[in-house]
Amino acid sequence: MTLPDRLSNDPRSPHHDAALLERGVGIRFNGVEKTNVEEYCVSEGWIRVAAGKARDRHGNPMTIKLKGVVEPYLRVAEEPPAETK
């Protein structure tokens, strides 16, 4: 399965894909595993991560954009199809 070029955790974003996020998407950023990624874009080479516990006026986490090499992957491998007899 090919992962999208851009994906967001925010359900209000047009780049949100709940079904894909449920399967588990991992991000390697500059070769390091990141677990706090809010959004990523492979073609533009950036991720957005939460900036500590800071919140904006709507209660959403404040984010910082970091630029580098973004490598998304599926955390949960697909299960093989059940054998039929």
Protein backbone atom coordinates (compact mmCIF):
# COMPACT_ATOMS: atom_id res chain seq x y z
CA MET A 1 0.00 0.00 0.00
CA THR A 2 1.26 3.47 -0.85
CA LEU A 3 1.02 6.10 1.86
CA PRO A 4 -0.21 9.59 0.93
CA ASP A 5 2.22 12.46 0.32
CA ARG A 6 0.56 14.44 3.11
CA LEU A 7 -1.36 13.26 6.19
CA SER A 8 -2.76 15.02 9.27
CA ASN A 9 -4.06 13.88 12.68
CA ASP A 10 -6.54 16.79 12.80
CA PRO A 11 -10.04 15.64 11.70
CA ARG A 12 -10.81 19.17 10.42
CA SER A 13 -7.94 19.01 7.92
CA PRO A 14 -8.56 18.04 4.27
CA HIS A 15 -5.50 15.76 4.60
CA HIS A 16 -7.03 13.66 7.40
CA ASP A 17 -7.63 9.93 6.72
CA ALA A 18 -9.12 8.21 9.78
CA ALA A 19 -9.03 4.68 8.30
CA LEU A 20 -5.33 4.97 7.51
CA LEU A 21 -4.48 6.46 10.91
CA GLU A 22 -6.26 3.54 12.64
CA ARG A 23 -3.92 1.11 10.87
CA GLY A 24 -0.95 2.93 12.38
CA VAL A 25 1.39 5.23 10.47
CA GLY A 26 4.94 5.71 11.71
CA ILE A 27 7.32 8.52 10.73
CA ARG A 28 11.09 8.50 10.43
CA PHE A 29 12.41 12.07 10.31
CA ASN A 30 16.07 12.44 9.33
CA GLY A 31 16.51 8.76 10.25
CA VAL A 32 15.01 9.12 13.75
CA GLU A 33 11.67 7.61 14.82
CA LYS A 34 9.16 10.34 15.80
CA THR A 35 6.03 9.59 17.82
CA ASN A 36 4.65 13.12 18.29
CA VAL A 37 4.01 14.07 14.64
CA GLU A 38 0.76 15.97 14.05
CA GLU A 39 1.13 16.30 10.25
CA TYR A 40 3.69 15.48 7.57
CA CYS A 41 4.42 16.22 3.90
CA VAL A 42 6.95 14.05 2.06
CA SER A 43 7.28 16.11 -1.15
CA GLU A 44 7.91 19.37 0.71
CA GLY A 45 10.07 17.65 3.37
CA TRP A 46 8.50 18.77 6.65
CA ILE A 47 6.67 17.55 9.75
CA ARG A 48 4.65 19.40 12.37
CA VAL A 49 5.22 18.39 15.99
CA ALA A 50 3.55 19.56 19.18
CA ALA A 51 5.42 22.38 20.97
CA GLY A 52 5.33 21.08 24.53
CA LYS A 53 2.03 21.57 26.36
CA ALA A 54 1.28 24.95 24.75
CA ARG A 55 -2.23 25.41 23.36
CA ASP A 56 -3.73 27.98 20.99
CA ARG A 57 -6.86 29.97 21.82
CA HIS A 58 -9.07 27.15 20.52
CA GLY A 59 -7.41 24.52 22.74
CA ASN A 60 -5.45 22.86 19.94
CA PRO A 61 -1.77 22.03 20.46
CA MET A 62 0.72 24.60 19.18
CA THR A 63 2.97 23.07 16.52
CA ILE A 64 6.43 23.66 15.11
CA LYS A 65 7.35 22.90 11.50
CA LEU A 66 10.63 21.00 11.12
CA LYS A 67 12.27 20.50 7.71
CA GLY A 68 14.19 17.39 6.69
CA VAL A 69 13.82 13.92 5.19
CA VAL A 70 10.38 12.41 5.91
CA GLU A 71 9.84 8.63 5.62
CA PRO A 72 6.30 7.41 6.46
CA TYR A 73 5.60 3.69 6.94
CA LEU A 74 2.84 1.42 8.23
CA ARG A 75 3.49 0.30 11.82
CA VAL A 76 1.15 -2.69 11.71
CA ALA A 77 1.98 -5.13 8.93
CA GLU A 78 -0.96 -6.35 6.92
CA GLU A 79 -2.27 -9.70 8.09
CA PRO A 80 -2.07 -12.52 5.54
CA PRO A 81 -5.44 -13.61 4.16
CA ALA A 82 -7.08 -16.52 5.99
CA GLU A 83 -6.69 -19.87 4.27
CA THR A 84 -9.89 -21.44 2.96
CA LYS A 85 -10.41 -25.19 2.74
